Amino acid sequence: MTGNVTTVDGRVAGRRGQATRQKLLDCLGKMLGSAPYRDVRVIDVARQAGTSPATFYQYFPDIEAAVLELASEAVQESGELSALVSGRSWAGKAGKQASEELVDGVQSFWRRHEAILRVIDVSAAEGDRRFVRLRGRVLGALIKPLAESLEEMRSKSRATGEPPATAVAASLVTMVCGATAQTKSLQTAGAKQAEMKPTLAALVQLGMTGRRPTK
């Protein structure tokens, strides 16, 4: 939280105001874990934060604005996902480790931000362009460096550029993120979490190298 945080009417919020604003966001984040965001009311968030609706409206014009703030904060943290991919080797034992760490990192990120990421996915699927852009930034944090890694591998081995590196990277990222977001549904379908993680990692390595992963 920085000193340039402002209220709805443009005033710079002091330290106490920033703390109140953050508490409202924290309470909203917890509530999104158990209720659709369109069912969450300002009065409920304010009550949970131990303040009043009038105070909420000092910092956010409505619930949607606060939800977008939470979403933006999660997206900013998604930049750390790029470190799971950049400069990694994808062949052999090193590739196996890189693939496993990629899956673990994505799952860890999703667990930390599960509620707001679910809101982003649902709203993006409904066509809200603001959330479409936010979801694109989360996925892009992995897709771009993964595609660059694949292109570099191909250039060194003089392999063909088909299918396109970005399409391969996007497919792999969508697979890992989709499986992570649908863990409970997949378990209902009989896919055990303990089996999904190594399987996803193996598919990532296969997709990046075109070779069956070593055991």
C-alpha atoms as a PDB file:
ATOM      1  CA  MET A   1       0.000   0.000   0.000  1.00  0.00           C
ATOM      2  CA  THR A   2       1.450   3.355  -1.007  1.00  0.00           C
ATOM      3  CA  GLY A   3       0.812   6.944  -0.018  1.00  0.00           C
ATOM      4  CA  ASN A   4      -0.841   7.813  -3.331  1.00  0.00           C
ATOM      5  CA  VAL A   5      -3.960   5.757  -2.650  1.00  0.00           C
ATOM      6  CA  THR A   6      -6.939   8.065  -3.066  1.00  0.00           C
ATOM      7  CA  THR A   7     -10.550   8.131  -1.968  1.00  0.00           C
ATOM      8  CA  VAL A   8     -13.449   8.247  -4.413  1.00  0.00           C
ATOM      9  CA  ASP A   9     -13.494  12.049  -4.259  1.00  0.00           C
ATOM     10  CA  GLY A  10      -9.783  12.281  -5.032  1.00  0.00           C
ATOM     11  CA  ARG A  11      -8.310  12.893  -1.578  1.00  0.00           C
ATOM     12  CA  VAL A  12      -5.069  11.115  -0.690  1.00  0.00           C
ATOM     13  CA  ALA A  13      -5.725   8.492   1.963  1.00  0.00           C
ATOM     14  CA  GLY A  14      -3.537   8.584   5.060  1.00  0.00           C
ATOM     15  CA  ARG A  15      -2.058   5.561   6.774  1.00  0.00           C
ATOM     16  CA  ARG A  16      -5.210   4.882   8.764  1.00  0.00           C
ATOM     17  CA  GLY A  17      -7.375   5.275   5.682  1.00  0.00           C
ATOM     18  CA  GLN A  18      -5.171   2.918   3.713  1.00  0.00           C
ATOM     19  CA  ALA A  19      -5.433   0.325   6.476  1.00  0.00           C
ATOM     20  CA  THR A  20      -9.230   0.637   6.469  1.00  0.00           C
ATOM     21  CA  ARG A  21      -9.340   0.303   2.694  1.00  0.00           C
ATOM     22  CA  GLN A  22      -7.166  -2.812   2.821  1.00  0.00           C
ATOM     23  CA  LYS A  23      -9.306  -4.331   5.556  1.00  0.00           C
ATOM     24  CA  LEU A  24     -12.380  -3.840   3.384  1.00  0.00           C
ATOM     25  CA  LEU A  25     -10.615  -5.602   0.512  1.00  0.00           C
ATOM     26  CA  ASP A  26      -9.475  -8.430   2.775  1.00  0.00           C
ATOM     27  CA  CYS A  27     -13.003  -8.974   4.073  1.00  0.00           C
ATOM     28  CA  LEU A  28     -14.420  -8.880   0.564  1.00  0.00           C
ATOM     29  CA  GLY A  29     -11.846 -11.449  -0.543  1.00  0.00           C
ATOM     30  CA  LYS A  30     -12.879 -13.816   2.239  1.00  0.00           C
ATOM     31  CA  MET A  31     -16.561 -13.388   1.434  1.00  0.00           C
ATOM     32  CA  LEU A  32     -15.966 -14.177  -2.237  1.00  0.00           C
ATOM     33  CA  GLY A  33     -14.750 -17.582  -1.111  1.00  0.00           C
ATOM     34  CA  SER A  34     -18.251 -18.574  -0.046  1.00  0.00           C
ATOM     35  CA  ALA A  35     -20.619 -16.459  -2.144  1.00  0.00           C
ATOM     36  CA  PRO A  36     -20.935 -15.208  -5.757  1.00  0.00           C
ATOM     37  CA  TYR A  37     -19.679 -11.643  -5.888  1.00  0.00           C
ATOM     38  CA  ARG A  38     -22.985 -10.343  -7.231  1.00  0.00           C
ATOM     39  CA  ASP A  39     -24.627 -11.593  -4.023  1.00  0.00           C
ATOM     40  CA  VAL A  40     -22.186  -9.715  -1.788  1.00  0.00           C
ATOM     41  CA  ARG A  41     -23.566  -6.421  -0.459  1.00  0.00           C
ATOM     42  CA  VAL A  42     -21.719  -3.334   0.656  1.00  0.00           C
ATOM     43  CA  ILE A  43     -23.364  -3.463   4.066  1.00  0.00           C
ATOM     44  CA  ASP A  44     -22.126  -7.046   4.579  1.00  0.00           C
ATOM     45  CA  VAL A  45     -18.530  -6.167   3.698  1.00  0.00           C
ATOM     46  CA  ALA A  46     -18.607  -3.080   5.910  1.00  0.00           C
ATOM     47  CA  ARG A  47     -20.066  -5.023   8.823  1.00  0.00           C
ATOM     48  CA  GLN A  48     -17.427  -7.737   8.433  1.00  0.00           C
ATOM     49  CA  ALA A  49     -14.717  -5.057   8.466  1.00  0.00           C
ATOM     50  CA  GLY A  50     -16.189  -3.407  11.549  1.00  0.00           C
ATOM     51  CA  THR A  51     -17.058  -0.176   9.783  1.00  0.00           C
ATOM     52  CA  SER A  52     -19.978   1.452   7.953  1.00  0.00           C
ATOM     53  CA  PRO A  53     -21.234   1.460   4.350  1.00  0.00           C
ATOM     54  CA  ALA A  54     -20.421   5.179   4.232  1.00  0.00           C
ATOM     55  CA  THR A  55     -16.784   4.336   4.891  1.00  0.00           C
ATOM     56  CA  PHE A  56     -16.825   1.710   2.131  1.00  0.00           C
ATOM     57  CA  TYR A  57     -18.123   4.305  -0.323  1.00  0.00           C
ATOM     58  CA  GLN A  58     -15.239   6.596   0.561  1.00  0.00           C
ATOM     59  CA  TYR A  59     -12.891   4.155  -1.162  1.00  0.00           C
ATOM     60  CA  PHE A  60     -15.029   2.308  -3.708  1.00  0.00           C
ATOM     61  CA  PRO A  61     -18.079   3.452  -5.678  1.00  0.00           C
ATOM     62  CA  ASP A  62     -19.555  -0.062  -5.575  1.00  0.00           C
ATOM     63  CA  ILE A  63     -18.758  -3.732  -4.961  1.00  0.00           C
ATOM     64  CA  GLU A  64     -17.664  -4.239  -8.557  1.00  0.00           C
ATOM     65  CA  ALA A  65     -14.946  -1.608  -8.227  1.00  0.00           C
ATOM     66  CA  ALA A  66     -13.596  -3.338  -5.114  1.00  0.00           C
ATOM     67  CA  VAL A  67     -13.702  -6.711  -6.886  1.00  0.00           C
ATOM     68  CA  LEU A  68     -11.724  -5.251  -9.789  1.00  0.00           C
ATOM     69  CA  GLU A  69      -9.153  -3.936  -7.316  1.00  0.00           C
ATOM     70  CA  LEU A  70      -8.742  -7.395  -5.808  1.00  0.00           C
ATOM     71  CA  ALA A  71      -8.466  -8.881  -9.279  1.00  0.00           C
ATOM     72  CA  SER A  72      -5.801  -6.355 -10.280  1.00  0.00           C
ATOM     73  CA  GLU A  73      -3.761  -7.153  -7.178  1.00  0.00           C
ATOM     74  CA  ALA A  74      -3.847 -10.878  -7.986  1.00  0.00           C
ATOM     75  CA  VAL A  75      -2.867 -10.188 -11.588  1.00  0.00           C
ATOM     76  CA  GLN A  76       0.112  -8.122 -10.453  1.00  0.00           C
ATOM     77  CA  GLU A  77       1.325 -11.088  -8.406  1.00  0.00           C
ATOM     78  CA  SER A  78       0.956 -13.349 -11.438  1.00  0.00           C
ATOM     79  CA  GLY A  79       4.201 -11.867 -12.732  1.00  0.00           C
ATOM     80  CA  GLU A  80       5.993 -14.277 -10.402  1.00  0.00           C
ATOM     81  CA  LEU A  81       4.770 -17.140 -12.575  1.00  0.00           C
ATOM     82  CA  SER A  82       7.148 -16.078 -15.355  1.00  0.00           C
ATOM     83  CA  ALA A  83      10.089 -17.063 -13.156  1.00  0.00           C
ATOM     84  CA  LEU A  84       8.822 -20.658 -13.270  1.00  0.00           C
ATOM     85  CA  VAL A  85       9.481 -20.734 -17.013  1.00  0.00           C
ATOM     86  CA  SER A  86      12.180 -18.252 -18.019  1.00  0.00           C
ATOM     87  CA  GLY A  87      15.635 -19.704 -18.573  1.00  0.00           C
ATOM     88  CA  ARG A  88      14.617 -23.275 -17.748  1.00  0.00           C
ATOM     89  CA  SER A  89      15.725 -26.437 -19.506  1.00  0.00           C
ATOM     90  CA  TRP A  90      12.901 -28.767 -20.560  1.00  0.00           C
ATOM     91  CA  ALA A  91      14.834 -31.867 -21.583  1.00  0.00           C
ATOM     92  CA  GLY A  92      15.885 -34.793 -19.404  1.00  0.00           C
ATOM     93  CA  LYS A  93      15.871 -34.691 -15.619  1.00  0.00           C
ATOM     94  CA  ALA A  94      16.179 -30.899 -15.539  1.00  0.00           C
ATOM     95  CA  GLY A  95      13.093 -30.660 -17.728  1.00  0.00           C
ATOM     96  CA  LYS A  96      11.210 -33.047 -15.467  1.00  0.00           C
ATOM     97  CA  GLN A  97      12.022 -30.842 -12.490  1.00  0.00           C
ATOM     98  CA  ALA A  98      11.108 -27.654 -14.368  1.00  0.00           C
ATOM     99  CA  SER A  99       7.769 -29.140 -15.421  1.00  0.00           C
ATOM    100  CA  GLU A 100       6.967 -30.280 -11.889  1.00  0.00           C
ATOM    101  CA  GLU A 101       7.868 -26.869 -10.459  1.00  0.00           C
ATOM    102  CA  LEU A 102       5.697 -25.177 -13.077  1.00  0.00           C
ATOM    103  CA  VAL A 103       2.668 -27.258 -12.079  1.00  0.00           C
ATOM    104  CA  ASP A 104       3.368 -26.767  -8.369  1.00  0.00           C
ATOM    105  CA  GLY A 105       3.788 -23.013  -8.844  1.00  0.00           C
ATOM    106  CA  VAL A 106       0.554 -22.629 -10.776  1.00  0.00           C
ATOM    107  CA  GLN A 107      -1.371 -24.659  -8.209  1.00  0.00           C
ATOM    108  CA  SER A 108       0.115 -22.652  -5.350  1.00  0.00           C
ATOM    109  CA  PHE A 109      -0.819 -19.365  -7.044  1.00  0.00           C
ATOM    110  CA  TRP A 110      -4.370 -20.588  -7.683  1.00  0.00           C
ATOM    111  CA  ARG A 111      -4.818 -21.691  -4.079  1.00  0.00           C
ATOM    112  CA  ARG A 112      -3.754 -18.252  -2.794  1.00  0.00           C
ATOM    113  CA  HIS A 113      -6.113 -16.399  -5.108  1.00  0.00           C
ATOM    114  CA  GLU A 114      -8.788 -19.009  -5.755  1.00  0.00           C
ATOM    115  CA  ALA A 115     -11.838 -16.868  -4.962  1.00  0.00           C
ATOM    116  CA  ILE A 116     -10.905 -13.845  -7.079  1.00  0.00           C
ATOM    117  CA  LEU A 117      -9.546 -15.987  -9.925  1.00  0.00           C
ATOM    118  CA  ARG A 118     -12.907 -17.740 -10.049  1.00  0.00           C
ATOM    119  CA  VAL A 119     -14.596 -14.341 -10.356  1.00  0.00           C
ATOM    120  CA  ILE A 120     -12.188 -13.372 -13.150  1.00  0.00           C
ATOM    121  CA  ASP A 121     -12.898 -16.612 -15.041  1.00  0.00           C
ATOM    122  CA  VAL A 122     -16.681 -16.366 -14.725  1.00  0.00           C
ATOM    123  CA  SER A 123     -16.811 -12.678 -15.639  1.00  0.00           C
ATOM    124  CA  ALA A 124     -14.426 -13.176 -18.570  1.00  0.00           C
ATOM    125  CA  ALA A 125     -16.547 -16.075 -19.816  1.00  0.00           C
ATOM    126  CA  GLU A 126     -19.562 -13.756 -19.701  1.00  0.00           C
ATOM    127  CA  GLY A 127     -17.721 -11.365 -22.008  1.00  0.00           C
ATOM    128  CA  ASP A 128     -16.748  -8.594 -19.592  1.00  0.00           C
ATOM    129  CA  ARG A 129     -13.743  -7.088 -21.392  1.00  0.00           C
ATOM    130  CA  ARG A 130     -12.160  -5.828 -18.173  1.00  0.00           C
ATOM    131  CA  PHE A 131     -11.954  -9.337 -16.800  1.00  0.00           C
ATOM    132  CA  VAL A 132     -10.975 -10.769 -20.195  1.00  0.00           C
ATOM    133  CA  ARG A 133      -7.920  -8.492 -20.138  1.00  0.00           C
ATOM    134  CA  LEU A 134      -7.083  -9.470 -16.561  1.00  0.00           C
ATOM    135  CA  ARG A 135      -7.311 -13.171 -17.329  1.00  0.00           C
ATOM    136  CA  GLY A 136      -5.169 -12.608 -20.412  1.00  0.00           C
ATOM    137  CA  ARG A 137      -2.455 -11.047 -18.271  1.00  0.00           C
ATOM    138  CA  VAL A 138      -2.426 -14.008 -15.869  1.00  0.00           C
ATOM    139  CA  LEU A 139      -2.150 -16.531 -18.699  1.00  0.00           C
ATOM    140  CA  GLY A 140       0.311 -14.331 -20.580  1.00  0.00           C
ATOM    141  CA  ALA A 141       2.706 -14.401 -17.633  1.00  0.00           C
ATOM    142  CA  LEU A 142       3.271 -18.058 -18.527  1.00  0.00           C
ATOM    143  CA  ILE A 143       2.507 -18.257 -22.234  1.00  0.00           C
ATOM    144  CA  LYS A 144       4.986 -15.654 -23.460  1.00  0.00           C
ATOM    145  CA  PRO A 145       8.126 -16.968 -21.694  1.00  0.00           C
ATOM    146  CA  LEU A 146       7.125 -20.580 -22.391  1.00  0.00           C
ATOM    147  CA  ALA A 147       6.789 -19.818 -26.112  1.00  0.00           C
ATOM    148  CA  GLU A 148      10.148 -18.038 -26.076  1.00  0.00           C
ATOM    149  CA  SER A 149      11.768 -21.071 -24.434  1.00  0.00           C
ATOM    150  CA  LEU A 150      10.293 -23.372 -27.063  1.00  0.00           C
ATOM    151  CA  GLU A 151      11.461 -21.146 -29.919  1.00  0.00           C
ATOM    152  CA  GLU A 152      14.976 -21.095 -28.451  1.00  0.00           C
ATOM    153  CA  MET A 153      15.014 -24.892 -28.162  1.00  0.00           C
ATOM    154  CA  ARG A 154      13.876 -25.231 -31.760  1.00  0.00           C
ATOM    155  CA  SER A 155      16.498 -22.831 -33.039  1.00  0.00           C
ATOM    156  CA  LYS A 156      19.277 -24.788 -31.330  1.00  0.00           C
ATOM    157  CA  SER A 157      18.078 -28.121 -32.647  1.00  0.00           C
ATOM    158  CA  ARG A 158      17.020 -26.729 -36.044  1.00  0.00           C
ATOM    159  CA  ALA A 159      13.582 -28.223 -35.491  1.00  0.00           C
ATOM    160  CA  THR A 160      10.582 -27.092 -37.494  1.00  0.00           C
ATOM    161  CA  GLY A 161       8.413 -24.291 -36.212  1.00  0.00           C
ATOM    162  CA  GLU A 162       5.199 -26.295 -36.352  1.00  0.00           C
ATOM    163  CA  PRO A 163       2.949 -26.164 -34.527  1.00  0.00           C
ATOM    164  CA  PRO A 164       3.570 -22.496 -33.663  1.00  0.00           C
ATOM    165  CA  ALA A 165       5.363 -22.023 -30.339  1.00  0.00           C
ATOM    166  CA  THR A 166       2.751 -19.643 -28.954  1.00  0.00           C
ATOM    167  CA  ALA A 167      -0.040 -22.116 -29.766  1.00  0.00           C
ATOM    168  CA  VAL A 168       1.866 -24.906 -28.002  1.00  0.00           C
ATOM    169  CA  ALA A 169       2.557 -22.717 -24.970  1.00  0.00           C
ATOM    170  CA  ALA A 170      -1.049 -21.498 -24.802  1.00  0.00           C
ATOM    171  CA  SER A 171      -2.349 -25.072 -24.986  1.00  0.00           C
ATOM    172  CA  LEU A 172      -0.056 -26.257 -22.196  1.00  0.00           C
ATOM    173  CA  VAL A 173      -0.835 -23.288 -19.948  1.00  0.00           C
ATOM    174  CA  THR A 174      -4.568 -23.655 -20.533  1.00  0.00           C
ATOM    175  CA  MET A 175      -4.313 -27.346 -19.654  1.00  0.00           C
ATOM    176  CA  VAL A 176      -2.445 -26.754 -16.388  1.00  0.00           C
ATOM    177  CA  CYS A 177      -4.556 -23.764 -15.305  1.00  0.00           C
ATOM    178  CA  GLY A 178      -7.830 -25.418 -16.306  1.00  0.00           C
ATOM    179  CA  ALA A 179      -7.027 -28.616 -14.434  1.00  0.00           C
ATOM    180  CA  THR A 180      -5.986 -26.584 -11.404  1.00  0.00           C
ATOM    181  CA  ALA A 181      -9.177 -24.518 -11.423  1.00  0.00           C
ATOM    182  CA  GLN A 182     -11.359 -27.637 -11.780  1.00  0.00           C
ATOM    183  CA  THR A 183      -9.704 -29.846  -9.154  1.00  0.00           C
ATOM    184  CA  LYS A 184     -12.919 -30.698  -7.311  1.00  0.00           C
ATOM    185  CA  SER A 185     -14.860 -31.459 -10.487  1.00  0.00           C
ATOM    186  CA  LEU A 186     -12.052 -33.646 -11.787  1.00  0.00           C
ATOM    187  CA  GLN A 187     -11.934 -35.560  -8.504  1.00  0.00           C
ATOM    188  CA  THR A 188     -15.670 -36.186  -8.854  1.00  0.00           C
ATOM    189  CA  ALA A 189     -14.954 -37.580 -12.314  1.00  0.00           C
ATOM    190  CA  GLY A 190     -12.401 -39.970 -10.808  1.00  0.00           C
ATOM    191  CA  ALA A 191      -9.150 -38.071 -11.451  1.00  0.00           C
ATOM    192  CA  LYS A 192      -7.141 -38.103  -8.233  1.00  0.00           C
ATOM    193  CA  GLN A 193      -5.124 -35.009  -7.366  1.00  0.00           C
ATOM    194  CA  ALA A 194      -2.079 -37.126  -6.490  1.00  0.00           C
ATOM    195  CA  GLU A 195      -2.160 -38.554 -10.015  1.00  0.00           C
ATOM    196  CA  MET A 196      -2.974 -35.310 -11.798  1.00  0.00           C
ATOM    197  CA  LYS A 197       0.151 -33.404 -10.726  1.00  0.00           C
ATOM    198  CA  PRO A 198       2.748 -35.791 -12.191  1.00  0.00           C
ATOM    199  CA  THR A 199       0.567 -36.342 -15.255  1.00  0.00           C
ATOM    200  CA  LEU A 200       0.321 -32.613 -15.954  1.00  0.00           C
ATOM    201  CA  ALA A 201       4.071 -32.233 -15.487  1.00  0.00           C
ATOM    202  CA  ALA A 202       4.750 -35.100 -17.890  1.00  0.00           C
ATOM    203  CA  LEU A 203       2.444 -33.572 -20.511  1.00  0.00           C
ATOM    204  CA  VAL A 204       4.164 -30.190 -20.163  1.00  0.00           C
ATOM    205  CA  GLN A 205       7.559 -31.767 -20.775  1.00  0.00           C
ATOM    206  CA  LEU A 206       6.210 -33.810 -23.679  1.00  0.00           C
ATOM    207  CA  GLY A 207       4.666 -30.712 -25.226  1.00  0.00           C
ATOM    208  CA  MET A 208       7.888 -28.740 -24.886  1.00  0.00           C
ATOM    209  CA  THR A 209      10.273 -31.410 -26.164  1.00  0.00           C
ATOM    210  CA  GLY A 210       8.153 -33.695 -28.322  1.00  0.00           C
ATOM    211  CA  ARG A 211       9.695 -36.606 -26.463  1.00  0.00           C
ATOM    212  CA  ARG A 212       8.395 -38.977 -23.845  1.00  0.00           C
ATOM    213  CA  PRO A 213       9.680 -37.789 -20.423  1.00  0.00           C
ATOM    214  CA  THR A 214      12.319 -39.858 -18.696  1.00  0.00           C
ATOM    215  CA  LYS A 215      11.336 -41.568 -15.447  1.00  0.00           C
END
